[in-house]
Amino acid sequence: MFEPKLPERIICLTEESVELLYLLGEEQRIVGVSQYAVRPQKVREEKPVVSVFTHANQKKVIEMKADLIIGYSDIQKDIARDLIDQGQNVWISNHRSLRETVDYCAALSALIGAQEKFEELLKSWNAKFAHALSFSKTLVKKPRVYLEEWDEPLISGISYFSELVELCGAIDINKHLRSGFKASERFPIESHIIKSNPEVILACWCGKKVEPQVIRDRVGWESIDAIKNDRIIELPPEVFLQPGPALFESGIDHLIDLFNPKS
């Protein structure tokens, strides 16, 4: 007779799986992480780095003899292909929305036998969702917001980022672009941004620090309210550019603080 054996040695090629495993109290399963994994902060001290987002140290990964390697998005398809070619078990998810993010967390929790722990975690997230909806209803005027994930070329907010901003009471002026699967499908038109006149610019450049002056100096943008009122706000990428627990653990509170007129 066979007894099922759940993954005991897991390599996380992106940060969202790392944070979830820590929240579930299952961090002992993690044997390698991405360079960008910083939540919780102690992960940098406890777990060896084996990858960045676009490539992994294949030799190091294979030597770790992982039961499961977890990655994210089509951008990591080449990493997955090469590791699969070496006989590794690889799971690449492609979730883009808030709903899909919750589903991903549920699936990973089930994969390691931590469904009950996840149910408790989900209760706390649902409480935050409810709080965000209640807060949103208190806003007399919902702020118009431009979300920027990159500057050259301009890339507007992906679904989970845009949906979170909307959940917390703002209006994403490029909502019509958020369902674009690839970044190239989320290139905003500058004339639309200027015409929409966002009151807040939330910038979060993956891999580099936001330069507000670069945004201010764009031709024609001087007429935008967010520029005139100095409302260019840099958001932490480790919270808003990873489709995982950080969105719910920290993102909702962060946005409510930003949009609260009493703050």
Protein backbone atom coordinates (compact mmCIF):
# COMPACT_ATOMS: atom_id res chain seq x y z
CA MET A 1 0.00 0.00 0.00
CA PHE A 2 1.13 3.54 -0.76
CA GLU A 3 0.76 6.49 1.56
CA PRO A 4 0.79 9.94 -0.08
CA LYS A 5 3.91 11.98 0.60
CA LEU A 6 3.46 15.74 0.58
CA PRO A 7 6.31 18.03 -0.54
CA GLU A 8 8.84 18.40 2.25
CA ARG A 9 11.57 20.32 0.40
CA ILE A 10 10.28 23.33 -1.56
CA ILE A 11 12.12 25.93 -3.61
CA CYS A 12 10.28 29.23 -4.14
CA LEU A 13 11.36 31.10 -7.27
CA THR A 14 9.18 34.11 -6.40
CA GLU A 15 8.16 35.76 -3.17
CA GLU A 16 4.43 35.10 -2.83
CA SER A 17 4.83 31.38 -2.05
CA VAL A 18 7.52 32.19 0.54
CA GLU A 19 5.27 34.54 2.49
CA LEU A 20 2.34 32.15 2.38
CA LEU A 21 4.39 29.22 3.71
CA TYR A 22 5.65 31.40 6.57
CA LEU A 23 2.11 32.56 7.39
CA LEU A 24 0.99 28.94 7.47
CA GLY A 25 3.84 28.04 9.83
CA GLU A 26 5.31 25.74 7.18
CA GLU A 27 8.55 27.61 6.51
CA GLN A 28 10.62 24.56 7.46
CA ARG A 29 9.72 23.14 4.04
CA ILE A 30 11.50 25.99 2.21
CA VAL A 31 15.05 25.15 1.12
CA GLY A 32 15.66 27.96 -1.39
CA VAL A 33 14.17 31.34 -2.28
CA SER A 34 14.26 34.22 -4.74
CA GLN A 35 16.54 37.19 -4.17
CA TYR A 36 13.41 39.34 -3.99
CA ALA A 37 11.86 37.43 -1.08
CA VAL A 38 11.85 39.92 1.81
CA ARG A 39 8.60 39.08 3.62
CA PRO A 40 8.99 38.20 6.41
CA GLN A 41 12.25 40.06 6.87
CA LYS A 42 13.96 37.11 8.53
CA VAL A 43 13.72 35.03 5.35
CA ARG A 44 16.92 36.68 4.08
CA GLU A 45 18.79 35.33 7.08
CA GLU A 46 17.20 31.89 7.15
CA LYS A 47 16.95 30.74 3.53
CA PRO A 48 19.58 30.52 0.74
CA VAL A 49 18.97 32.50 -2.46
CA VAL A 50 18.82 30.40 -5.63
CA SER A 51 17.17 32.73 -8.16
CA VAL A 52 16.11 36.14 -9.36
CA PHE A 53 12.91 36.64 -11.32
CA THR A 54 14.32 35.95 -14.77
CA HIS A 55 16.83 33.18 -14.07
CA ALA A 56 17.83 30.59 -11.48
CA ASN A 57 21.07 28.92 -10.48
CA GLN A 58 20.14 25.59 -12.03
CA LYS A 59 23.09 23.68 -10.54
CA LYS A 60 22.31 24.95 -7.04
CA VAL A 61 18.60 24.21 -7.43
CA ILE A 62 19.20 20.62 -8.54
CA GLU A 63 21.71 20.00 -5.75
CA MET A 64 19.04 20.95 -3.20
CA LYS A 65 16.96 17.89 -4.19
CA ALA A 66 13.64 19.67 -3.83
CA ASP A 67 10.34 17.79 -3.98
CA LEU A 68 8.67 20.83 -5.55
CA ILE A 69 9.80 24.03 -7.24
CA ILE A 70 7.26 26.87 -7.34
CA GLY A 71 7.39 29.77 -9.78
CA TYR A 72 5.11 32.40 -11.24
CA SER A 73 4.11 33.68 -14.67
CA ASP A 74 5.04 33.17 -18.30
CA ILE A 75 8.26 35.11 -17.64
CA GLN A 76 9.59 32.07 -15.78
CA LYS A 77 8.65 29.57 -18.47
CA ASP A 78 12.26 29.14 -19.60
CA ILE A 79 13.43 28.46 -16.04
CA ALA A 80 10.63 25.90 -15.67
CA ARG A 81 11.43 24.24 -19.00
CA ASP A 82 15.11 23.83 -18.15
CA LEU A 83 14.40 22.43 -14.70
CA ILE A 84 11.73 20.07 -15.99
CA ASP A 85 14.24 18.89 -18.57
CA GLN A 86 16.46 17.95 -15.61
CA GLY A 87 13.69 15.88 -14.05
CA GLN A 88 12.48 18.44 -11.51
CA ASN A 89 8.87 18.88 -10.36
CA VAL A 90 7.88 22.45 -11.20
CA TRP A 91 4.61 24.31 -10.61
CA ILE A 92 4.18 27.61 -12.45
CA SER A 93 1.02 29.55 -11.66
CA ASN A 94 -0.32 32.42 -13.75
CA HIS A 95 -2.84 34.12 -11.50
CA ARG A 96 -3.55 37.77 -12.23
CA SER A 97 -6.68 38.82 -10.28
CA LEU A 98 -7.45 39.04 -6.56
CA ARG A 99 -9.81 36.07 -6.83
CA GLU A 100 -7.15 34.03 -8.62
CA THR A 101 -4.61 35.04 -5.96
CA VAL A 102 -6.82 33.67 -3.19
CA ASP A 103 -7.39 30.50 -5.23
CA TYR A 104 -3.62 30.12 -5.68
CA CYS A 105 -3.05 30.44 -1.93
CA ALA A 106 -5.76 27.84 -1.29
CA ALA A 107 -4.24 25.45 -3.83
CA LEU A 108 -0.71 25.74 -2.40
CA SER A 109 -2.05 25.26 1.12
CA ALA A 110 -3.86 22.10 0.03
CA LEU A 111 -0.74 20.85 -1.73
CA ILE A 112 1.13 20.75 1.59
CA GLY A 113 -1.82 19.61 3.69
CA ALA A 114 -2.38 22.94 5.44
CA GLN A 115 -6.02 23.54 4.48
CA GLU A 116 -7.20 24.18 8.05
CA LYS A 117 -4.47 26.73 8.67
CA PHE A 118 -5.38 28.46 5.41
CA GLU A 119 -9.05 28.66 6.41
CA GLU A 120 -8.05 30.66 9.49
CA LEU A 121 -5.84 32.91 7.37
CA LEU A 122 -8.66 33.45 4.88
CA LYS A 123 -10.99 34.56 7.68
CA SER A 124 -8.60 37.39 8.53
CA TRP A 125 -8.33 38.37 4.86
CA ASN A 126 -12.10 38.38 4.41
CA ALA A 127 -12.37 40.66 7.45
CA LYS A 128 -9.97 43.06 5.72
CA PHE A 129 -11.96 42.86 2.48
CA ALA A 130 -15.10 43.79 4.41
CA HIS A 131 -13.30 46.66 6.14
CA ALA A 132 -12.06 47.98 2.79
CA LEU A 133 -15.57 47.89 1.32
CA SER A 134 -16.97 49.72 4.34
CA PHE A 135 -14.24 52.34 4.13
CA SER A 136 -14.86 52.81 0.41
CA LYS A 137 -18.52 53.60 1.09
CA THR A 138 -17.52 56.40 3.48
CA LEU A 139 -15.62 58.31 0.79
CA VAL A 140 -17.66 61.27 -0.42
CA LYS A 141 -15.44 61.50 -3.50
CA LYS A 142 -13.43 58.60 -4.86
CA PRO A 143 -9.95 59.75 -5.97
CA ARG A 144 -8.91 59.25 -9.60
CA VAL A 145 -5.67 57.28 -9.58
CA TYR A 146 -3.01 56.49 -12.16
CA LEU A 147 -1.07 53.30 -11.40
CA GLU A 148 2.40 52.95 -12.88
CA GLU A 149 4.43 49.72 -12.68
CA TRP A 150 7.25 50.85 -14.99
CA ASP A 151 8.46 54.05 -16.61
CA GLU A 152 10.16 53.09 -19.89
CA PRO A 153 7.85 52.09 -21.46
CA LEU A 154 4.94 53.14 -19.29
CA ILE A 155 3.10 50.14 -17.86
CA SER A 156 -0.14 50.54 -15.93
CA GLY A 157 -1.42 48.37 -13.08
CA ILE A 158 -2.04 44.65 -13.46
CA SER A 159 -5.43 43.23 -12.41
CA TYR A 160 -4.69 42.43 -8.76
CA PHE A 161 -3.07 45.85 -8.22
CA SER A 162 -5.91 47.72 -9.92
CA GLU A 163 -8.60 45.67 -8.18
CA LEU A 164 -7.04 46.30 -4.77
CA VAL A 165 -6.99 50.06 -5.37
CA GLU A 166 -10.61 49.90 -6.48
CA LEU A 167 -11.57 47.80 -3.44
CA CYS A 168 -10.15 50.52 -1.19
CA GLY A 169 -12.23 53.26 -2.77
CA ALA A 170 -10.29 54.76 -5.69
CA ILE A 171 -10.89 54.89 -9.44
CA ASP A 172 -8.18 53.43 -11.67
CA ILE A 173 -8.14 55.60 -14.80
CA ASN A 174 -6.66 52.69 -16.77
CA LYS A 175 -9.02 50.01 -15.49
CA HIS A 176 -9.74 49.07 -19.09
CA LEU A 177 -6.14 47.86 -19.47
CA ARG A 178 -5.76 45.81 -16.30
CA SER A 179 -6.87 42.49 -17.78
CA GLY A 180 -3.96 42.54 -20.24
CA PHE A 181 -2.12 39.25 -19.69
CA LYS A 182 1.23 40.56 -20.89
CA ALA A 183 2.84 43.82 -19.83
CA SER A 184 2.77 44.97 -23.47
CA GLU A 185 -1.03 44.90 -23.28
CA ARG A 186 -0.95 47.43 -20.45
CA PHE A 187 0.89 50.28 -22.18
CA PRO A 188 -1.25 53.36 -21.38
CA ILE A 189 -1.82 56.24 -23.78
CA GLU A 190 -0.36 59.44 -22.32
CA SER A 191 -3.06 61.65 -23.77
CA HIS A 192 -5.64 59.52 -21.93
CA ILE A 193 -3.73 59.92 -18.65
CA ILE A 194 -3.54 63.70 -19.08
CA LYS A 195 -7.22 63.97 -20.07
CA SER A 196 -8.31 61.74 -17.14
CA ASN A 197 -6.43 64.11 -14.79
CA PRO A 198 -5.61 61.72 -11.93
CA GLU A 199 -5.55 63.23 -8.46
CA VAL A 200 -3.05 60.64 -7.23
CA ILE A 201 -0.20 58.83 -8.97
CA LEU A 202 0.77 55.54 -7.35
CA ALA A 203 4.10 54.42 -8.75
CA CYS A 204 5.79 51.11 -8.07
CA TRP A 205 8.69 50.32 -10.39
CA CYS A 206 9.71 46.69 -10.15
CA GLY A 207 13.42 46.46 -9.39
CA LYS A 208 14.25 50.16 -9.09
CA LYS A 209 13.37 53.21 -7.04
CA VAL A 210 10.69 55.57 -8.34
CA GLU A 211 11.99 58.98 -9.45
CA PRO A 212 9.16 61.51 -8.94
CA GLN A 213 10.98 64.20 -10.91
CA VAL A 214 11.06 61.98 -13.98
CA ILE A 215 7.27 61.78 -13.75
CA ARG A 216 6.90 65.55 -13.20
CA ASP A 217 9.04 66.34 -16.24
CA ARG A 218 6.93 64.42 -18.75
CA VAL A 219 5.62 66.65 -21.52
CA GLY A 220 2.06 67.79 -20.85
CA TRP A 221 1.84 66.24 -17.41
CA GLU A 222 2.25 69.58 -15.62
CA SER A 223 -1.54 70.10 -15.94
CA ILE A 224 -2.35 66.91 -14.00
CA ASP A 225 -3.73 67.51 -10.48
CA ALA A 226 -1.47 64.83 -8.96
CA ILE A 227 1.56 66.71 -10.32
CA LYS A 228 0.31 70.16 -9.27
CA ASN A 229 -0.54 68.96 -5.76
CA ASP A 230 2.58 66.81 -5.35
CA ARG A 231 0.63 63.57 -4.98
CA ILE A 232 3.15 61.18 -6.53
CA ILE A 233 3.42 58.31 -4.07
CA GLU A 234 5.87 55.44 -4.27
CA LEU A 235 4.47 52.11 -3.13
CA PRO A 236 6.57 49.16 -1.90
CA PRO A 237 6.92 46.62 -4.74
CA GLU A 238 7.24 43.74 -2.30
CA VAL A 239 3.63 44.46 -1.32
CA PHE A 240 1.95 45.62 -4.52
CA LEU A 241 3.80 43.78 -7.27
CA GLN A 242 3.53 40.25 -5.92
CA PRO A 243 0.24 38.38 -6.35
CA GLY A 244 0.20 36.84 -2.91
CA PRO A 245 -0.54 37.38 0.78
CA ALA A 246 1.17 40.80 0.95
CA LEU A 247 -1.76 42.34 -0.93
CA PHE A 248 -4.09 41.34 1.91
CA GLU A 249 -1.71 41.39 4.86
CA SER A 250 -0.36 44.91 4.18
CA GLY A 251 -1.71 46.32 0.92
CA ILE A 252 -5.27 47.01 2.06
CA ASP A 253 -4.18 48.86 5.21
CA HIS A 254 -1.61 50.85 3.23
CA LEU A 255 -4.16 52.04 0.66
CA ILE A 256 -6.82 52.89 3.23
CA ASP A 257 -4.29 55.10 5.00
CA LEU A 258 -3.47 56.83 1.71
CA PHE A 259 -7.08 57.44 0.69
CA ASN A 260 -8.38 58.38 4.12
CA PRO A 261 -9.16 62.13 3.99
CA LYS A 262 -8.55 62.32 7.74
CA SER A 263 -4.94 61.11 7.42
